[in-house]
Amino acid sequence: MTQSIQPISQIATSLLYQSPVLLVYLAGVIVGLGFIGRWTIAAGMCVAGCAWSLSLAIVLTLVTSWMTQQMRSNAWTFQHYSDVSQVVSILGSIGRAMGIGLIITGVFVGRPPRTPQPPPPMPPRW
């Protein structure tokens, strides 16, 4: 019984430690959805980036917990665990970069072009 509770406890603890970031991602999704009618592309990119990052954080937590259980149950050697951990780390970094990229793209796309301002009038010459 303790063995089945332990992974759930590990996942809950890990998600609790990540809760500030998870709450920011969730707030980004909510705020983005609120602005979707006003700035469709920018808000859509923000929602996509925050939702992607939120999902990725949860999936990586689940995968890491599963990997730990594989290691503890002696199904994996330490070398295999290390190899898989490196791959998961690289994929996680790429995934986080994609989420941040979507959010940053949302800042710059869909903006109206800047209208050139006429130069200030020249003072009269006497």
C-alpha atoms as a PDB file:
ATOM      1  CA  MET A   1       0.000   0.000   0.000  1.00  0.00           C
ATOM      2  CA  THR A   2       2.807   2.429   0.837  1.00  0.00           C
ATOM      3  CA  GLN A   3       4.421   1.835  -2.513  1.00  0.00           C
ATOM      4  CA  SER A   4       1.332   3.048  -4.404  1.00  0.00           C
ATOM      5  CA  ILE A   5       0.907   6.079  -2.140  1.00  0.00           C
ATOM      6  CA  GLN A   6       4.544   7.108  -2.398  1.00  0.00           C
ATOM      7  CA  PRO A   7       4.459   8.082  -6.129  1.00  0.00           C
ATOM      8  CA  ILE A   8       1.319  10.147  -5.566  1.00  0.00           C
ATOM      9  CA  SER A   9       2.975  11.871  -2.622  1.00  0.00           C
ATOM     10  CA  GLN A  10       6.094  12.516  -4.698  1.00  0.00           C
ATOM     11  CA  ILE A  11       4.029  13.979  -7.557  1.00  0.00           C
ATOM     12  CA  ALA A  12       1.983  16.147  -5.189  1.00  0.00           C
ATOM     13  CA  THR A  13       5.108  17.436  -3.474  1.00  0.00           C
ATOM     14  CA  SER A  14       6.792  18.222  -6.768  1.00  0.00           C
ATOM     15  CA  LEU A  15       3.712  20.055  -8.055  1.00  0.00           C
ATOM     16  CA  LEU A  16       3.481  21.956  -4.773  1.00  0.00           C
ATOM     17  CA  TYR A  17       7.084  23.141  -5.164  1.00  0.00           C
ATOM     18  CA  GLN A  18       6.281  24.272  -8.705  1.00  0.00           C
ATOM     19  CA  SER A  19       3.001  25.926  -7.729  1.00  0.00           C
ATOM     20  CA  PRO A  20       4.173  29.557  -8.134  1.00  0.00           C
ATOM     21  CA  VAL A  21       5.175  28.927 -11.748  1.00  0.00           C
ATOM     22  CA  LEU A  22       2.094  26.790 -12.420  1.00  0.00           C
ATOM     23  CA  LEU A  23      -0.144  29.555 -11.071  1.00  0.00           C
ATOM     24  CA  VAL A  24       1.565  32.126 -13.317  1.00  0.00           C
ATOM     25  CA  TYR A  25       0.996  29.886 -16.348  1.00  0.00           C
ATOM     26  CA  LEU A  26      -2.635  29.408 -15.343  1.00  0.00           C
ATOM     27  CA  ALA A  27      -3.081  33.166 -14.853  1.00  0.00           C
ATOM     28  CA  GLY A  28      -1.510  33.721 -18.283  1.00  0.00           C
ATOM     29  CA  VAL A  29      -4.072  31.403 -19.849  1.00  0.00           C
ATOM     30  CA  ILE A  30      -6.952  33.137 -18.069  1.00  0.00           C
ATOM     31  CA  VAL A  31      -5.757  36.677 -18.864  1.00  0.00           C
ATOM     32  CA  GLY A  32      -4.986  35.691 -22.456  1.00  0.00           C
ATOM     33  CA  LEU A  33      -8.476  34.291 -22.889  1.00  0.00           C
ATOM     34  CA  GLY A  34      -9.854  37.552 -21.509  1.00  0.00           C
ATOM     35  CA  PHE A  35      -8.046  39.543 -24.212  1.00  0.00           C
ATOM     36  CA  ILE A  36      -8.654  37.138 -27.091  1.00  0.00           C
ATOM     37  CA  GLY A  37     -11.389  39.346 -28.549  1.00  0.00           C
ATOM     38  CA  ARG A  38      -9.311  42.504 -28.468  1.00  0.00           C
ATOM     39  CA  TRP A  39      -5.892  41.222 -29.579  1.00  0.00           C
ATOM     40  CA  THR A  40      -6.628  37.884 -31.195  1.00  0.00           C
ATOM     41  CA  ILE A  41      -3.162  36.866 -32.362  1.00  0.00           C
ATOM     42  CA  ALA A  42      -1.183  38.206 -29.407  1.00  0.00           C
ATOM     43  CA  ALA A  43      -3.590  36.773 -26.832  1.00  0.00           C
ATOM     44  CA  GLY A  44      -3.765  33.483 -28.708  1.00  0.00           C
ATOM     45  CA  MET A  45       0.012  33.171 -28.670  1.00  0.00           C
ATOM     46  CA  CYS A  46       0.052  33.978 -24.956  1.00  0.00           C
ATOM     47  CA  VAL A  47      -2.618  31.358 -24.249  1.00  0.00           C
ATOM     48  CA  ALA A  48      -0.798  28.780 -26.374  1.00  0.00           C
ATOM     49  CA  GLY A  49       2.555  29.467 -24.719  1.00  0.00           C
ATOM     50  CA  CYS A  50       1.200  29.432 -21.179  1.00  0.00           C
ATOM     51  CA  ALA A  51      -0.955  26.339 -21.772  1.00  0.00           C
ATOM     52  CA  TRP A  52       1.995  24.556 -23.392  1.00  0.00           C
ATOM     53  CA  SER A  53       4.297  25.466 -20.505  1.00  0.00           C
ATOM     54  CA  LEU A  54       1.716  24.449 -17.895  1.00  0.00           C
ATOM     55  CA  SER A  55       1.121  21.096 -19.589  1.00  0.00           C
ATOM     56  CA  LEU A  56       4.838  20.503 -20.022  1.00  0.00           C
ATOM     57  CA  ALA A  57       5.554  21.158 -16.342  1.00  0.00           C
ATOM     58  CA  ILE A  58       2.896  18.636 -15.297  1.00  0.00           C
ATOM     59  CA  VAL A  59       4.000  16.014 -17.850  1.00  0.00           C
ATOM     60  CA  LEU A  60       7.660  16.369 -16.870  1.00  0.00           C
ATOM     61  CA  THR A  61       6.684  15.899 -13.216  1.00  0.00           C
ATOM     62  CA  LEU A  62       4.806  12.709 -14.070  1.00  0.00           C
ATOM     63  CA  VAL A  63       7.635  11.391 -16.247  1.00  0.00           C
ATOM     64  CA  THR A  64      10.236  12.138 -13.581  1.00  0.00           C
ATOM     65  CA  SER A  65       8.150  10.348 -10.965  1.00  0.00           C
ATOM     66  CA  TRP A  66       7.749   7.347 -13.258  1.00  0.00           C
ATOM     67  CA  MET A  67      11.495   7.289 -13.912  1.00  0.00           C
ATOM     68  CA  THR A  68      12.205   7.346 -10.178  1.00  0.00           C
ATOM     69  CA  GLN A  69       9.841   4.423  -9.653  1.00  0.00           C
ATOM     70  CA  GLN A  70      11.584   2.473 -12.402  1.00  0.00           C
ATOM     71  CA  MET A  71      14.896   3.084 -10.709  1.00  0.00           C
ATOM     72  CA  ARG A  72      13.585   2.130  -7.264  1.00  0.00           C
ATOM     73  CA  SER A  73      11.974  -1.075  -8.485  1.00  0.00           C
ATOM     74  CA  ASN A  74      15.316  -2.169  -9.971  1.00  0.00           C
ATOM     75  CA  ALA A  75      13.803  -2.253 -13.451  1.00  0.00           C
ATOM     76  CA  TRP A  76      16.490   0.198 -14.591  1.00  0.00           C
ATOM     77  CA  THR A  77      20.168   0.378 -13.935  1.00  0.00           C
ATOM     78  CA  PHE A  78      21.634   3.648 -12.797  1.00  0.00           C
ATOM     79  CA  GLN A  79      23.242   4.109 -16.215  1.00  0.00           C
ATOM     80  CA  HIS A  80      19.890   3.629 -17.992  1.00  0.00           C
ATOM     81  CA  TYR A  81      18.234   6.053 -15.578  1.00  0.00           C
ATOM     82  CA  SER A  82      20.985   8.586 -16.236  1.00  0.00           C
ATOM     83  CA  ASP A  83      20.655   8.237 -20.018  1.00  0.00           C
ATOM     84  CA  VAL A  84      16.867   8.622 -19.967  1.00  0.00           C
ATOM     85  CA  SER A  85      17.155  11.510 -17.520  1.00  0.00           C
ATOM     86  CA  GLN A  86      19.469  13.361 -19.917  1.00  0.00           C
ATOM     87  CA  VAL A  87      17.048  12.869 -22.819  1.00  0.00           C
ATOM     88  CA  VAL A  88      14.097  14.041 -20.722  1.00  0.00           C
ATOM     89  CA  SER A  89      16.110  17.069 -19.586  1.00  0.00           C
ATOM     90  CA  ILE A  90      17.006  18.037 -23.146  1.00  0.00           C
ATOM     91  CA  LEU A  91      13.436  17.584 -24.367  1.00  0.00           C
ATOM     92  CA  GLY A  92      12.171  19.574 -21.362  1.00  0.00           C
ATOM     93  CA  SER A  93      14.535  22.436 -22.167  1.00  0.00           C
ATOM     94  CA  ILE A  94      13.417  22.463 -25.796  1.00  0.00           C
ATOM     95  CA  GLY A  95       9.787  22.377 -24.697  1.00  0.00           C
ATOM     96  CA  ARG A  96      10.255  25.259 -22.250  1.00  0.00           C
ATOM     97  CA  ALA A  97      12.007  27.274 -24.958  1.00  0.00           C
ATOM     98  CA  MET A  98       9.034  26.670 -27.254  1.00  0.00           C
ATOM     99  CA  GLY A  99       6.601  27.902 -24.601  1.00  0.00           C
ATOM    100  CA  ILE A 100       8.622  31.023 -23.886  1.00  0.00           C
ATOM    101  CA  GLY A 101       9.015  31.573 -27.631  1.00  0.00           C
ATOM    102  CA  LEU A 102       5.243  31.525 -28.096  1.00  0.00           C
ATOM    103  CA  ILE A 103       4.769  34.035 -25.290  1.00  0.00           C
ATOM    104  CA  ILE A 104       7.480  36.356 -26.624  1.00  0.00           C
ATOM    105  CA  THR A 105       6.090  36.074 -30.148  1.00  0.00           C
ATOM    106  CA  GLY A 106       2.705  37.109 -28.794  1.00  0.00           C
ATOM    107  CA  VAL A 107       4.248  40.353 -27.568  1.00  0.00           C
ATOM    108  CA  PHE A 108       5.381  41.396 -31.021  1.00  0.00           C
ATOM    109  CA  VAL A 109       2.860  39.977 -33.512  1.00  0.00           C
ATOM    110  CA  GLY A 110      -0.413  41.603 -34.346  1.00  0.00           C
ATOM    111  CA  ARG A 111       0.721  45.088 -33.473  1.00  0.00           C
ATOM    112  CA  PRO A 112      -0.407  47.822 -35.802  1.00  0.00           C
ATOM    113  CA  PRO A 113       2.368  49.328 -37.885  1.00  0.00           C
ATOM    114  CA  ARG A 114       3.852  52.460 -36.459  1.00  0.00           C
ATOM    115  CA  THR A 115       2.662  55.505 -38.334  1.00  0.00           C
ATOM    116  CA  PRO A 116       5.460  57.911 -39.081  1.00  0.00           C
ATOM    117  CA  GLN A 117       5.103  61.229 -37.335  1.00  0.00           C
ATOM    118  CA  PRO A 118       5.734  64.400 -39.327  1.00  0.00           C
ATOM    119  CA  PRO A 119       8.849  66.246 -38.261  1.00  0.00           C
ATOM    120  CA  PRO A 120       8.319  69.211 -35.958  1.00  0.00           C
ATOM    121  CA  PRO A 121       7.976  72.538 -37.752  1.00  0.00           C
ATOM    122  CA  MET A 122      11.145  74.483 -38.268  1.00  0.00           C
ATOM    123  CA  PRO A 123      11.411  77.795 -36.431  1.00  0.00           C
ATOM    124  CA  PRO A 124      11.238  80.800 -38.716  1.00  0.00           C
ATOM    125  CA  ARG A 125      14.537  82.287 -39.900  1.00  0.00           C
ATOM    126  CA  TRP A 126      14.863  86.054 -39.659  1.00  0.00           C
END
